[in-house]
Each structure stands twice: as structure tokens, then as C-alpha cells.
Amino acid sequence: MVVYIKIVTIYQGRICSSHVIHRPRTNVQFPNLKVAAIFLSAFVAAALGVPADHIVHEKRDGAAFVKRRTVDSDNIVPVRIALKQTNLHKGMDLLMDVSDPNSVNYGNHYTQDQVQAMFVRPSKSLLTRSKADFKTTVAQLKTVLHTKYNVFQTRSGDEHFGTNKYHLPADISDHVDFIYPGVASVPMARREERPSTKNPSMVAASRPIPEYVNNTGAEDCGSLITPKCIKEMYGIPDGTSKREGNELGIFELDQEMHKQSDLNPKQS
């Protein structure tokens, strides 16, 4: 079914433009109404092949990637559209202006408004300043970008989800820096690299630091960092007392539980 939509672009309370587009009904969910109307016009009903007003926005040399398989069209993927910025060549000068002890602005900090005013491209057609995030299906993303998504394998054996090129309308391409996932592909996690934590016996046993590594002196710290290196480099003294309130916190990430046997040597 083709749906006709009238898009009214509003900027600072004023109507800047109004036009009608048509697009297929989709399940794309934008996070809020701040997503620029210019992006909605990308969801035009797709014809066979690439429309004449579309251009290749990004492409990569596929020689480093081996195409392995397609992806289920119904899979939901998070998408980010990054807008182009301006004055990026001034970034280093701005950083040094507040970082150089000889600068009169040394130690100051830029506000968010100052950063946006410097780097955001002025445009009355955009209601978002840096990026637009939303979720959609693989099938809908392929239709919008007139491309094909696949799982690629790199020379290291890692698998990535992406494409070798994609298209955008010429007038929209001028505002977009990149779309992710695109030629910048999404790494796919290897299931075998994440052992189950539900059964402790399935987790590989920890191994002590080899003696020759543990005895590495400070002169070798340029090639190998060990606890002894850090201790000598920063002059950390040996602990001689246990004081109340000097407890250590244990950080856990992605449901990876700590092992008490790893902590026992440090608690003695």
C-alpha cells in the first residue's frame, strides 16, 4: 500500500517548507518528532533499480571482505544517520586553546551550546543537530538505501554485517555524513567467545601470571605492563594495614560474574 504524506518543516515556530511525498507503509519507529523531515523523504516507494535522483553516498573496496551469507529480512537493526559537521579543521586549535598552559583560556571548558554553534551546519531544513537514531527491519533499510546487506568475513575471521555501497537522494546526501550500519559494518559477536555464566564449571579456569612476567622490571615496561611495572612507575607502596572504609568495588559487565577464587589472593 502506498501512503501519501504531507511534510511540513517547522523551524523556530515558522513553517519553512511544505511538500508531499509518497512511501510504502513501514514499521519504522523514529525516537521523536525532532528527526528532520528531510530524512522522511528518503522513504519513497522503491522502483526496480536505483532512481535517477539517487547517488552513491558511500562505497568501499570489497576485496578485504568475503561475502558469507544474507541476513533475515525481518531482523530488526538499530540505525544511525550522522549529519555532516562544519569547522572540523578548527578542532585541534580549539582543544589546544584550553589545554595549553600558556593560553589565556587554559583550564576553561566549552559549553554544549558553544560546541554546537561551532560544528553544527546551519540549516533550516533540519530539526536535529547531530544524528538521528531509529530501528527498522533489514528489508526496509535495503529499500531505503537501495542496497543489499550481507554478513561479511574479514581476513582475521571476524564476521560483520554491512554493505559495500548504498545510495541516497542527491539533495539529502549533501546533509548526511554516514549511515550506520553501511560501509562501516557492525561486528557480529562470536558466541563461542562468551562462555555461559549460568554454570560456573563452563567458565575457563583463571591462570596465574607467569613468574617470568611477574618479575619484569621497570626497564621492560615499555613492552609489557604488569602489576609490578605499575607499582614501580608510580611509586605505589606495599599495603601494611587494613583500614575500615578502604574496600574495593568489583565491577561486572554483561552478566559476567566474578570468581571468588580470583579474589582470594588479593584479600589475604
C-alpha atoms as a PDB file:
ATOM      1  CA  MET A   1       0.000   0.000   0.000  1.00  0.00           C
ATOM      2  CA  VAL A   2       1.335   3.455  -0.908  1.00  0.00           C
ATOM      3  CA  VAL A   3       0.722   6.227   1.609  1.00  0.00           C
ATOM      4  CA  TYR A   4       0.802   9.916   0.693  1.00  0.00           C
ATOM      5  CA  ILE A   5       2.228  12.190   3.351  1.00  0.00           C
ATOM      6  CA  LYS A   6       2.394  15.948   3.539  1.00  0.00           C
ATOM      7  CA  ILE A   7       5.530  17.037   5.359  1.00  0.00           C
ATOM      8  CA  VAL A   8       5.697  20.481   6.884  1.00  0.00           C
ATOM      9  CA  THR A   9       9.140  21.524   8.092  1.00  0.00           C
ATOM     10  CA  ILE A  10       8.898  23.837  11.090  1.00  0.00           C
ATOM     11  CA  TYR A  11      11.909  25.763  12.346  1.00  0.00           C
ATOM     12  CA  GLN A  12      11.748  28.087  15.370  1.00  0.00           C
ATOM     13  CA  GLY A  13       7.984  28.245  15.164  1.00  0.00           C
ATOM     14  CA  ARG A  14       7.858  29.159  11.459  1.00  0.00           C
ATOM     15  CA  ILE A  15       6.841  26.984   8.508  1.00  0.00           C
ATOM     16  CA  CYS A  16       9.900  26.775   6.264  1.00  0.00           C
ATOM     17  CA  SER A  17       8.748  24.325   3.615  1.00  0.00           C
ATOM     18  CA  SER A  18       5.889  22.038   2.724  1.00  0.00           C
ATOM     19  CA  HIS A  19       5.816  19.191   0.243  1.00  0.00           C
ATOM     20  CA  VAL A  20       4.093  15.897  -0.447  1.00  0.00           C
ATOM     21  CA  ILE A  21       5.828  12.558  -0.771  1.00  0.00           C
ATOM     22  CA  HIS A  22       4.586   9.009  -1.107  1.00  0.00           C
ATOM     23  CA  ARG A  23       6.085   5.969   0.505  1.00  0.00           C
ATOM     24  CA  PRO A  24       5.138   2.374   1.353  1.00  0.00           C
ATOM     25  CA  ARG A  25       3.671   1.752   4.763  1.00  0.00           C
ATOM     26  CA  THR A  26       6.516   0.664   7.076  1.00  0.00           C
ATOM     27  CA  ASN A  27       7.100  -0.111  10.717  1.00  0.00           C
ATOM     28  CA  VAL A  28       9.984   2.316  11.111  1.00  0.00           C
ATOM     29  CA  GLN A  29       9.875   3.958  14.533  1.00  0.00           C
ATOM     30  CA  PHE A  30      11.651   7.267  14.992  1.00  0.00           C
ATOM     31  CA  PRO A  31      12.601   8.218  18.553  1.00  0.00           C
ATOM     32  CA  ASN A  32      10.817  11.575  18.488  1.00  0.00           C
ATOM     33  CA  LEU A  33       9.497  14.310  16.226  1.00  0.00           C
ATOM     34  CA  LYS A  34      12.863  16.044  16.204  1.00  0.00           C
ATOM     35  CA  VAL A  35      14.041  13.756  13.412  1.00  0.00           C
ATOM     36  CA  ALA A  36      14.416  16.015  10.411  1.00  0.00           C
ATOM     37  CA  ALA A  37      11.661  15.908   7.822  1.00  0.00           C
ATOM     38  CA  ILE A  38      14.346  15.641   5.190  1.00  0.00           C
ATOM     39  CA  PHE A  39      15.025  12.057   6.284  1.00  0.00           C
ATOM     40  CA  LEU A  40      11.398  11.055   5.925  1.00  0.00           C
ATOM     41  CA  SER A  41      11.551  11.882   2.244  1.00  0.00           C
ATOM     42  CA  ALA A  42      14.086   9.076   1.863  1.00  0.00           C
ATOM     43  CA  PHE A  43      11.294   6.544   2.367  1.00  0.00           C
ATOM     44  CA  VAL A  44       9.957   6.976  -1.139  1.00  0.00           C
ATOM     45  CA  ALA A  45       8.301   3.990  -2.799  1.00  0.00           C
ATOM     46  CA  ALA A  46      11.134   1.980  -4.344  1.00  0.00           C
ATOM     47  CA  ALA A  47      11.177   1.132  -8.021  1.00  0.00           C
ATOM     48  CA  LEU A  48      13.220  -1.571  -9.687  1.00  0.00           C
ATOM     49  CA  GLY A  49      16.785  -0.312  -9.675  1.00  0.00           C
ATOM     50  CA  VAL A  50      18.114   2.982  -8.305  1.00  0.00           C
ATOM     51  CA  PRO A  51      16.047   6.124  -9.029  1.00  0.00           C
ATOM     52  CA  ALA A  52      17.667   8.754 -11.233  1.00  0.00           C
ATOM     53  CA  ASP A  53      17.835  11.308  -8.414  1.00  0.00           C
ATOM     54  CA  HIS A  54      19.876   8.945  -6.177  1.00  0.00           C
ATOM     55  CA  ILE A  55      23.664   8.864  -5.990  1.00  0.00           C
ATOM     56  CA  VAL A  56      26.185   6.548  -4.340  1.00  0.00           C
ATOM     57  CA  HIS A  57      26.770   8.122  -0.937  1.00  0.00           C
ATOM     58  CA  GLU A  58      29.450   5.731   0.349  1.00  0.00           C
ATOM     59  CA  LYS A  59      31.244   2.715  -1.041  1.00  0.00           C
ATOM     60  CA  ARG A  60      34.202   0.573  -0.066  1.00  0.00           C
ATOM     61  CA  ASP A  61      36.614  -1.808  -1.714  1.00  0.00           C
ATOM     62  CA  GLY A  62      35.130  -5.228  -1.069  1.00  0.00           C
ATOM     63  CA  ALA A  63      38.426  -7.050  -1.630  1.00  0.00           C
ATOM     64  CA  ALA A  64      39.110  -7.221   2.105  1.00  0.00           C
ATOM     65  CA  PHE A  65      35.703  -8.773   2.828  1.00  0.00           C
ATOM     66  CA  VAL A  66      34.338 -12.169   1.828  1.00  0.00           C
ATOM     67  CA  LYS A  67      30.565 -12.336   1.444  1.00  0.00           C
ATOM     68  CA  ARG A  68      29.298 -15.239   3.531  1.00  0.00           C
ATOM     69  CA  ARG A  69      25.511 -15.124   3.719  1.00  0.00           C
ATOM     70  CA  THR A  70      22.422 -12.967   3.613  1.00  0.00           C
ATOM     71  CA  VAL A  71      20.502 -11.760   6.645  1.00  0.00           C
ATOM     72  CA  ASP A  72      16.878 -12.433   7.546  1.00  0.00           C
ATOM     73  CA  SER A  73      14.888  -9.531   6.109  1.00  0.00           C
ATOM     74  CA  ASP A  74      12.685  -9.357   9.203  1.00  0.00           C
ATOM     75  CA  ASN A  75      15.593  -8.792  11.589  1.00  0.00           C
ATOM     76  CA  ILE A  76      15.372  -5.501  13.474  1.00  0.00           C
ATOM     77  CA  VAL A  77      18.515  -3.359  13.321  1.00  0.00           C
ATOM     78  CA  PRO A  78      19.354  -0.054  15.045  1.00  0.00           C
ATOM     79  CA  VAL A  79      20.282   2.640  12.532  1.00  0.00           C
ATOM     80  CA  ARG A  80      22.150   5.907  12.997  1.00  0.00           C
ATOM     81  CA  ILE A  81      22.173   8.743  10.478  1.00  0.00           C
ATOM     82  CA  ALA A  82      25.045  11.116  11.250  1.00  0.00           C
ATOM     83  CA  LEU A  83      24.821  14.628   9.877  1.00  0.00           C
ATOM     84  CA  LYS A  84      27.733  16.449   8.313  1.00  0.00           C
ATOM     85  CA  GLN A  85      29.555  18.946  10.519  1.00  0.00           C
ATOM     86  CA  THR A  86      31.498  22.070   9.773  1.00  0.00           C
ATOM     87  CA  ASN A  87      34.735  23.668  11.030  1.00  0.00           C
ATOM     88  CA  LEU A  88      36.292  20.301  11.884  1.00  0.00           C
ATOM     89  CA  HIS A  89      39.678  21.717  10.869  1.00  0.00           C
ATOM     90  CA  LYS A  90      39.452  24.053  13.872  1.00  0.00           C
ATOM     91  CA  GLY A  91      39.123  21.206  16.365  1.00  0.00           C
ATOM     92  CA  MET A  92      42.814  20.972  17.286  1.00  0.00           C
ATOM     93  CA  ASP A  93      43.169  24.735  17.740  1.00  0.00           C
ATOM     94  CA  LEU A  94      40.104  24.842  19.981  1.00  0.00           C
ATOM     95  CA  LEU A  95      41.420  21.943  22.050  1.00  0.00           C
ATOM     96  CA  MET A  96      44.856  23.490  22.499  1.00  0.00           C
ATOM     97  CA  ASP A  97      43.326  26.855  23.405  1.00  0.00           C
ATOM     98  CA  VAL A  98      42.024  25.368  26.658  1.00  0.00           C
ATOM     99  CA  SER A  99      44.793  22.763  27.117  1.00  0.00           C
ATOM    100  CA  ASP A 100      47.988  24.787  26.615  1.00  0.00           C
ATOM    101  CA  PRO A 101      49.253  26.242  29.937  1.00  0.00           C
ATOM    102  CA  ASN A 102      50.448  29.304  28.007  1.00  0.00           C
ATOM    103  CA  SER A 103      46.952  30.053  26.710  1.00  0.00           C
ATOM    104  CA  VAL A 104      44.795  32.658  28.451  1.00  0.00           C
ATOM    105  CA  ASN A 105      41.902  30.171  28.215  1.00  0.00           C
ATOM    106  CA  TYR A 106      43.847  27.329  29.828  1.00  0.00           C
ATOM    107  CA  GLY A 107      41.679  25.223  32.124  1.00  0.00           C
ATOM    108  CA  ASN A 108      38.370  26.520  30.780  1.00  0.00           C
ATOM    109  CA  HIS A 109      35.667  24.296  29.326  1.00  0.00           C
ATOM    110  CA  TYR A 110      33.417  24.724  26.321  1.00  0.00           C
ATOM    111  CA  THR A 111      29.679  24.564  26.863  1.00  0.00           C
ATOM    112  CA  GLN A 112      27.485  22.292  24.782  1.00  0.00           C
ATOM    113  CA  ASP A 113      25.963  25.318  23.061  1.00  0.00           C
ATOM    114  CA  GLN A 114      29.425  26.620  22.122  1.00  0.00           C
ATOM    115  CA  VAL A 115      30.405  23.269  20.614  1.00  0.00           C
ATOM    116  CA  GLN A 116      27.176  23.018  18.643  1.00  0.00           C
ATOM    117  CA  ALA A 117      27.489  26.582  17.381  1.00  0.00           C
ATOM    118  CA  MET A 118      30.991  25.834  16.120  1.00  0.00           C
ATOM    119  CA  PHE A 119      30.482  22.458  14.449  1.00  0.00           C
ATOM    120  CA  VAL A 120      26.797  22.122  13.515  1.00  0.00           C
ATOM    121  CA  ARG A 121      26.000  23.039   9.928  1.00  0.00           C
ATOM    122  CA  PRO A 122      23.356  25.769   9.866  1.00  0.00           C
ATOM    123  CA  SER A 123      20.218  24.592   8.102  1.00  0.00           C
ATOM    124  CA  LYS A 124      16.561  25.495   8.397  1.00  0.00           C
ATOM    125  CA  SER A 125      15.565  22.106   6.976  1.00  0.00           C
ATOM    126  CA  LEU A 126      16.941  20.051   9.860  1.00  0.00           C
ATOM    127  CA  LEU A 127      15.297  19.637  13.235  1.00  0.00           C
ATOM    128  CA  THR A 128      18.103  17.534  14.702  1.00  0.00           C
ATOM    129  CA  ARG A 129      21.643  18.841  15.038  1.00  0.00           C
ATOM    130  CA  SER A 130      23.925  15.840  15.018  1.00  0.00           C
ATOM    131  CA  LYS A 131      22.252  12.488  14.401  1.00  0.00           C
ATOM    132  CA  ALA A 132      19.012  10.585  14.047  1.00  0.00           C
ATOM    133  CA  ASP A 133      18.604   7.149  15.638  1.00  0.00           C
ATOM    134  CA  PHE A 134      15.818   4.701  14.897  1.00  0.00           C
ATOM    135  CA  LYS A 135      15.118   0.997  14.434  1.00  0.00           C
ATOM    136  CA  THR A 136      13.856  -0.730  11.318  1.00  0.00           C
ATOM    137  CA  THR A 137      13.990  -4.077   9.554  1.00  0.00           C
ATOM    138  CA  VAL A 138      16.757  -5.200   7.237  1.00  0.00           C
ATOM    139  CA  ALA A 139      14.252  -5.285   4.369  1.00  0.00           C
ATOM    140  CA  GLN A 140      13.154  -1.692   4.904  1.00  0.00           C
ATOM    141  CA  LEU A 141      16.723  -0.462   5.262  1.00  0.00           C
ATOM    142  CA  LYS A 142      17.661  -2.161   1.988  1.00  0.00           C
ATOM    143  CA  THR A 143      14.718  -0.477   0.280  1.00  0.00           C
ATOM    144  CA  VAL A 144      15.546   2.978   1.609  1.00  0.00           C
ATOM    145  CA  LEU A 145      19.247   2.808   0.716  1.00  0.00           C
ATOM    146  CA  HIS A 146      18.834   0.797  -2.495  1.00  0.00           C
ATOM    147  CA  THR A 147      21.442  -1.739  -1.484  1.00  0.00           C
ATOM    148  CA  LYS A 148      21.917  -5.303  -0.248  1.00  0.00           C
ATOM    149  CA  TYR A 149      23.027  -6.227   3.246  1.00  0.00           C
ATOM    150  CA  ASN A 150      25.100  -9.329   3.916  1.00  0.00           C
ATOM    151  CA  VAL A 151      27.334 -10.926   6.516  1.00  0.00           C
ATOM    152  CA  PHE A 152      30.971 -10.460   5.503  1.00  0.00           C
ATOM    153  CA  GLN A 153      34.066 -12.152   6.871  1.00  0.00           C
ATOM    154  CA  THR A 154      37.320 -10.235   7.286  1.00  0.00           C
ATOM    155  CA  ARG A 155      40.807 -11.633   6.840  1.00  0.00           C
ATOM    156  CA  SER A 156      41.021 -12.129  10.604  1.00  0.00           C
ATOM    157  CA  GLY A 157      37.944 -14.371  10.514  1.00  0.00           C
ATOM    158  CA  ASP A 158      35.592 -11.884  12.194  1.00  0.00           C
ATOM    159  CA  GLU A 159      32.091 -11.507  10.790  1.00  0.00           C
ATOM    160  CA  HIS A 160      30.482  -8.128  10.104  1.00  0.00           C
ATOM    161  CA  PHE A 161      27.010  -7.050   8.992  1.00  0.00           C
ATOM    162  CA  GLY A 162      27.041  -4.343   6.337  1.00  0.00           C
ATOM    163  CA  THR A 163      27.151  -3.450   2.664  1.00  0.00           C
ATOM    164  CA  ASN A 164      29.720  -2.412   0.076  1.00  0.00           C
ATOM    165  CA  LYS A 165      27.794   0.694  -1.011  1.00  0.00           C
ATOM    166  CA  TYR A 166      24.477   2.467  -0.571  1.00  0.00           C
ATOM    167  CA  HIS A 167      22.534   5.282  -2.231  1.00  0.00           C
ATOM    168  CA  LEU A 168      20.791   8.457  -1.090  1.00  0.00           C
ATOM    169  CA  PRO A 169      18.829  11.151  -2.903  1.00  0.00           C
ATOM    170  CA  ALA A 170      21.301  13.773  -4.136  1.00  0.00           C
ATOM    171  CA  ASP A 171      19.755  16.608  -2.118  1.00  0.00           C
ATOM    172  CA  ILE A 172      19.838  14.523   1.071  1.00  0.00           C
ATOM    173  CA  SER A 173      23.356  13.214   0.533  1.00  0.00           C
ATOM    174  CA  ASP A 174      24.730  16.730   0.973  1.00  0.00           C
ATOM    175  CA  HIS A 175      23.483  16.777   4.572  1.00  0.00           C
ATOM    176  CA  VAL A 176      24.498  13.251   5.626  1.00  0.00           C
ATOM    177  CA  ASP A 177      27.962  12.242   6.824  1.00  0.00           C
ATOM    178  CA  PHE A 178      27.350   8.497   7.050  1.00  0.00           C
ATOM    179  CA  ILE A 179      24.711   5.890   7.829  1.00  0.00           C
ATOM    180  CA  TYR A 180      25.457   3.044  10.227  1.00  0.00           C
ATOM    181  CA  PRO A 181      25.336   0.167   9.512  1.00  0.00           C
ATOM    182  CA  GLY A 182      26.586   0.776   5.992  1.00  0.00           C
ATOM    183  CA  VAL A 183      30.089   0.500   4.617  1.00  0.00           C
ATOM    184  CA  ALA A 184      31.035   0.926   8.266  1.00  0.00           C
ATOM    185  CA  SER A 185      29.772  -2.502   9.253  1.00  0.00           C
ATOM    186  CA  VAL A 186      28.592  -3.898  12.569  1.00  0.00           C
ATOM    187  CA  PRO A 187      30.793  -6.576  14.172  1.00  0.00           C
ATOM    188  CA  MET A 188      28.874  -9.741  14.945  1.00  0.00           C
ATOM    189  CA  ALA A 189      29.727 -11.316  18.283  1.00  0.00           C
ATOM    190  CA  ARG A 190      31.129 -14.812  18.293  1.00  0.00           C
ATOM    191  CA  ARG A 191      29.001 -16.927  20.541  1.00  0.00           C
ATOM    192  CA  GLU A 192      31.853 -19.242  21.432  1.00  0.00           C
ATOM    193  CA  GLU A 193      33.827 -16.316  22.848  1.00  0.00           C
ATOM    194  CA  ARG A 194      31.235 -15.646  25.561  1.00  0.00           C
ATOM    195  CA  PRO A 195      31.063 -18.685  27.878  1.00  0.00           C
ATOM    196  CA  SER A 196      27.887 -19.259  29.808  1.00  0.00           C
ATOM    197  CA  THR A 197      27.935 -17.892  33.354  1.00  0.00           C
ATOM    198  CA  LYS A 198      24.949 -19.949  34.469  1.00  0.00           C
ATOM    199  CA  ASN A 199      27.168 -22.952  35.054  1.00  0.00           C
ATOM    200  CA  PRO A 200      30.478 -21.983  36.725  1.00  0.00           C
ATOM    201  CA  SER A 201      32.063 -25.217  35.508  1.00  0.00           C
ATOM    202  CA  MET A 202      31.709 -23.969  31.937  1.00  0.00           C
ATOM    203  CA  VAL A 203      33.914 -20.932  32.616  1.00  0.00           C
ATOM    204  CA  ALA A 204      37.573 -21.406  31.800  1.00  0.00           C
ATOM    205  CA  ALA A 205      39.736 -21.567  34.888  1.00  0.00           C
ATOM    206  CA  SER A 206      41.860 -18.490  35.529  1.00  0.00           C
ATOM    207  CA  ARG A 207      45.618 -18.847  35.308  1.00  0.00           C
ATOM    208  CA  PRO A 208      48.219 -17.088  37.449  1.00  0.00           C
ATOM    209  CA  ILE A 209      50.558 -14.572  35.839  1.00  0.00           C
ATOM    210  CA  PRO A 210      53.692 -16.460  34.718  1.00  0.00           C
ATOM    211  CA  GLU A 211      56.673 -15.964  37.033  1.00  0.00           C
ATOM    212  CA  TYR A 212      58.891 -14.501  34.324  1.00  0.00           C
ATOM    213  CA  VAL A 213      56.211 -11.893  33.614  1.00  0.00           C
ATOM    214  CA  ASN A 214      55.565 -11.153  37.266  1.00  0.00           C
ATOM    215  CA  ASN A 215      59.250 -10.415  37.838  1.00  0.00           C
ATOM    216  CA  THR A 216      59.530  -7.996  34.933  1.00  0.00           C
ATOM    217  CA  GLY A 217      61.432  -4.896  36.000  1.00  0.00           C
ATOM    218  CA  ALA A 218      60.548  -1.298  35.221  1.00  0.00           C
ATOM    219  CA  GLU A 219      63.058  -1.277  32.369  1.00  0.00           C
ATOM    220  CA  ASP A 220      60.784  -3.663  30.423  1.00  0.00           C
ATOM    221  CA  CYS A 221      57.560  -1.742  30.991  1.00  0.00           C
ATOM    222  CA  GLY A 222      57.760  -0.243  27.522  1.00  0.00           C
ATOM    223  CA  SER A 223      56.899  -3.614  26.012  1.00  0.00           C
ATOM    224  CA  LEU A 224      54.928  -5.344  28.774  1.00  0.00           C
ATOM    225  CA  ILE A 225      52.802  -3.811  31.524  1.00  0.00           C
ATOM    226  CA  THR A 226      52.476  -5.853  34.718  1.00  0.00           C
ATOM    227  CA  PRO A 227      51.284  -5.016  38.250  1.00  0.00           C
ATOM    228  CA  LYS A 228      54.936  -4.704  39.267  1.00  0.00           C
ATOM    229  CA  CYS A 229      55.539  -2.212  36.439  1.00  0.00           C
ATOM    230  CA  ILE A 230      52.679  -0.015  37.572  1.00  0.00           C
ATOM    231  CA  LYS A 231      53.805  -0.216  41.180  1.00  0.00           C
ATOM    232  CA  GLU A 232      57.364   0.854  40.365  1.00  0.00           C
ATOM    233  CA  MET A 233      56.404   3.538  37.843  1.00  0.00           C
ATOM    234  CA  TYR A 234      54.018   5.301  40.231  1.00  0.00           C
ATOM    235  CA  GLY A 235      55.821   4.540  43.485  1.00  0.00           C
ATOM    236  CA  ILE A 236      52.906   2.649  44.998  1.00  0.00           C
ATOM    237  CA  PRO A 237      53.948   1.389  48.467  1.00  0.00           C
ATOM    238  CA  ASP A 238      53.192  -2.043  49.847  1.00  0.00           C
ATOM    239  CA  GLY A 239      49.993  -2.245  51.812  1.00  0.00           C
ATOM    240  CA  THR A 240      50.744  -2.622  55.511  1.00  0.00           C
ATOM    241  CA  SER A 241      47.368  -2.172  57.137  1.00  0.00           C
ATOM    242  CA  LYS A 242      43.692  -2.784  56.608  1.00  0.00           C
ATOM    243  CA  ARG A 243      41.620   0.294  57.291  1.00  0.00           C
ATOM    244  CA  GLU A 244      37.848   0.475  57.561  1.00  0.00           C
ATOM    245  CA  GLY A 245      36.337   2.119  54.508  1.00  0.00           C
ATOM    246  CA  ASN A 246      39.195   1.060  52.232  1.00  0.00           C
ATOM    247  CA  GLU A 247      37.161  -1.607  50.452  1.00  0.00           C
ATOM    248  CA  LEU A 248      37.466  -2.314  46.745  1.00  0.00           C
ATOM    249  CA  GLY A 249      34.469  -2.487  44.436  1.00  0.00           C
ATOM    250  CA  ILE A 250      34.201  -5.325  41.918  1.00  0.00           C
ATOM    251  CA  PHE A 251      32.848  -4.347  38.500  1.00  0.00           C
ATOM    252  CA  GLU A 252      30.806  -6.837  36.460  1.00  0.00           C
ATOM    253  CA  LEU A 253      29.974  -6.371  32.773  1.00  0.00           C
ATOM    254  CA  ASP A 254      27.394  -8.076  30.541  1.00  0.00           C
ATOM    255  CA  GLN A 255      26.411 -10.646  33.178  1.00  0.00           C
ATOM    256  CA  GLU A 256      29.996 -11.857  33.500  1.00  0.00           C
ATOM    257  CA  MET A 257      30.252 -12.752  37.175  1.00  0.00           C
ATOM    258  CA  HIS A 258      33.447 -12.501  39.177  1.00  0.00           C
ATOM    259  CA  LYS A 259      35.062 -15.660  40.557  1.00  0.00           C
ATOM    260  CA  GLN A 260      35.746 -15.667  44.264  1.00  0.00           C
ATOM    261  CA  SER A 261      38.844 -17.823  43.706  1.00  0.00           C
ATOM    262  CA  ASP A 262      40.354 -14.946  41.707  1.00  0.00           C
ATOM    263  CA  LEU A 263      39.779 -12.516  44.561  1.00  0.00           C
ATOM    264  CA  ASN A 264      41.016 -14.652  47.442  1.00  0.00           C
ATOM    265  CA  PRO A 265      44.759 -13.954  46.865  1.00  0.00           C
ATOM    266  CA  LYS A 266      44.061 -10.209  46.966  1.00  0.00           C
ATOM    267  CA  GLN A 267      42.061 -10.441  50.186  1.00  0.00           C
ATOM    268  CA  SER A 268      44.706 -12.211  52.224  1.00  0.00           C
END
